[in-house]
Every structure is written in structure tokens, then in C-alpha cells.
């Protein structure tokens, strides 16, 4: 249960909220035709790569193995 609470708390971090908001805005703009598919994919790829890249870096700095299970085992 604590694992779920920790993950929910991490989801409410500023960068997570910004990532989710940007994803929603660009999805809306793509559906309504204000941005092209190519523009959407470019921005979405950058945002997602940044988000997951910072998550992996954070786990590495904390001494984990990047799996997020806290074991540190490979």
C-alpha cells in the first residue's frame, strides 16, 4: 500500500503535472487540427523523453537499478 501512495505522490510532482498538462493540451490541439501530426509527435517525444530520462537519472542517483522496486538488484 505504501508503494502505491509513494507513486501517487510522485505523480503529483510539478514536472509530472506539467508533462500531463502538455500532453493533454497537445492532444487537444492535434485533434482540433491546430497542430500537425508531425508537430505533435515532435513535442510529445521530447516531453516524454525528458520525463522518463529524468526519472531514470533520479533512480540512478538514489543508488537504485532503475527498476523502481527498491531492491538495487540487477
C-alpha atoms as a PDB file:
ATOM      1  CA  UNK A   1       0.000   0.000   0.000  1.00  0.00           C
ATOM      2  CA  UNK A   2       2.888   2.372   0.748  1.00  0.00           C
ATOM      3  CA  UNK A   3       4.287   1.793  -2.730  1.00  0.00           C
ATOM      4  CA  UNK A   4       1.023   2.972  -4.275  1.00  0.00           C
ATOM      5  CA  UNK A   5       0.971   6.040  -2.032  1.00  0.00           C
ATOM      6  CA  UNK A   6       4.572   6.902  -2.964  1.00  0.00           C
ATOM      7  CA  UNK A   7       3.838   6.568  -6.666  1.00  0.00           C
ATOM      8  CA  UNK A   8       0.714   8.727  -6.374  1.00  0.00           C
ATOM      9  CA  UNK A   9       2.703  11.361  -4.501  1.00  0.00           C
ATOM     10  CA  UNK A  10       5.388  11.288  -7.206  1.00  0.00           C
ATOM     11  CA  UNK A  11       2.697  11.679  -9.855  1.00  0.00           C
ATOM     12  CA  UNK A  12       1.668  14.950  -8.229  1.00  0.00           C
ATOM     13  CA  UNK A  13       5.142  16.449  -8.563  1.00  0.00           C
ATOM     14  CA  UNK A  14       5.443  19.634 -10.609  1.00  0.00           C
ATOM     15  CA  UNK A  15       7.215  18.063 -13.572  1.00  0.00           C
ATOM     16  CA  UNK A  16       4.655  15.263 -13.715  1.00  0.00           C
ATOM     17  CA  UNK A  17       1.785  17.730 -13.711  1.00  0.00           C
ATOM     18  CA  UNK A  18       3.476  19.810 -16.416  1.00  0.00           C
ATOM     19  CA  UNK A  19       4.065  16.688 -18.509  1.00  0.00           C
ATOM     20  CA  UNK A  20       0.442  15.593 -18.165  1.00  0.00           C
ATOM     21  CA  UNK A  21      -0.850  19.101 -18.914  1.00  0.00           C
ATOM     22  CA  UNK A  22       1.347  19.436 -22.008  1.00  0.00           C
ATOM     23  CA  UNK A  23       0.249  16.026 -23.208  1.00  0.00           C
ATOM     24  CA  UNK A  24      -3.405  16.976 -22.803  1.00  0.00           C
ATOM     25  CA  UNK A  25      -3.018  20.356 -24.496  1.00  0.00           C
ATOM     26  CA  UNK A  26      -1.121  18.985 -27.468  1.00  0.00           C
ATOM     27  CA  UNK A  27      -3.555  16.082 -27.827  1.00  0.00           C
ATOM     28  CA  UNK A  28      -6.428  18.593 -27.895  1.00  0.00           C
ATOM     29  CA  UNK A  29      -4.621  20.808 -30.424  1.00  0.00           C
ATOM     30  CA  UNK A  30      -3.878  17.810 -32.632  1.00  0.00           C
ATOM     31  CA  UNK A  31      -7.486  16.608 -32.550  1.00  0.00           C
ATOM     32  CA  UNK A  32      -8.855  20.067 -33.357  1.00  0.00           C
ATOM     33  CA  UNK A  33      -6.347  20.490 -36.206  1.00  0.00           C
ATOM     34  CA  UNK A  34      -4.341  23.387 -34.757  1.00  0.00           C
ATOM     35  CA  UNK A  35      -1.071  21.450 -34.972  1.00  0.00           C
ATOM     36  CA  UNK A  36       0.052  18.888 -37.498  1.00  0.00           C
ATOM     37  CA  UNK A  37       0.724  15.288 -36.612  1.00  0.00           C
ATOM     38  CA  UNK A  38       4.440  15.867 -37.175  1.00  0.00           C
ATOM     39  CA  UNK A  39       4.493  18.838 -34.783  1.00  0.00           C
ATOM     40  CA  UNK A  40       2.567  16.841 -32.175  1.00  0.00           C
ATOM     41  CA  UNK A  41       4.911  13.862 -32.400  1.00  0.00           C
ATOM     42  CA  UNK A  42       7.980  16.085 -32.130  1.00  0.00           C
ATOM     43  CA  UNK A  43       6.791  17.873 -28.997  1.00  0.00           C
ATOM     44  CA  UNK A  44       5.319  14.754 -27.412  1.00  0.00           C
ATOM     45  CA  UNK A  45       8.526  12.771 -27.992  1.00  0.00           C
ATOM     46  CA  UNK A  46      10.657  15.491 -26.401  1.00  0.00           C
ATOM     47  CA  UNK A  47       8.374  15.799 -23.367  1.00  0.00           C
ATOM     48  CA  UNK A  48       8.127  12.057 -22.775  1.00  0.00           C
ATOM     49  CA  UNK A  49      11.861  11.514 -23.316  1.00  0.00           C
ATOM     50  CA  UNK A  50      12.644  14.290 -20.842  1.00  0.00           C
ATOM     51  CA  UNK A  51      10.199  12.942 -18.279  1.00  0.00           C
ATOM     52  CA  UNK A  52      11.425   9.351 -18.410  1.00  0.00           C
ATOM     53  CA  UNK A  53      15.046  10.455 -18.724  1.00  0.00           C
ATOM     54  CA  UNK A  54      14.842  12.463 -15.520  1.00  0.00           C
ATOM     55  CA  UNK A  55      13.089   9.585 -13.762  1.00  0.00           C
ATOM     56  CA  UNK A  56      15.864   7.173 -14.770  1.00  0.00           C
ATOM     57  CA  UNK A  57      18.541   9.675 -13.712  1.00  0.00           C
ATOM     58  CA  UNK A  58      16.842  10.173 -10.356  1.00  0.00           C
ATOM     59  CA  UNK A  59      16.783   6.421  -9.721  1.00  0.00           C
ATOM     60  CA  UNK A  60      20.445   6.128 -10.697  1.00  0.00           C
ATOM     61  CA  UNK A  61      21.426   8.912  -8.286  1.00  0.00           C
ATOM     62  CA  UNK A  62      19.452   7.243  -5.499  1.00  0.00           C
ATOM     63  CA  UNK A  63      21.522   4.092  -5.954  1.00  0.00           C
ATOM     64  CA  UNK A  64      18.752   2.004  -7.464  1.00  0.00           C
ATOM     65  CA  UNK A  65      18.865  -0.104 -10.559  1.00  0.00           C
ATOM     66  CA  UNK A  66      16.242   1.899 -12.427  1.00  0.00           C
ATOM     67  CA  UNK A  67      13.501  -0.664 -11.875  1.00  0.00           C
ATOM     68  CA  UNK A  68      11.904   1.298  -9.076  1.00  0.00           C
ATOM     69  CA  UNK A  69      11.421  -1.696  -6.806  1.00  0.00           C
ATOM     70  CA  UNK A  70      13.966  -0.527  -4.236  1.00  0.00           C
ATOM     71  CA  UNK A  71      15.983  -3.728  -4.301  1.00  0.00           C
ATOM     72  CA  UNK A  72      19.009  -2.405  -6.135  1.00  0.00           C
ATOM     73  CA  UNK A  73      19.429  -5.858  -7.665  1.00  0.00           C
ATOM     74  CA  UNK A  74      20.215  -6.275 -11.344  1.00  0.00           C
END
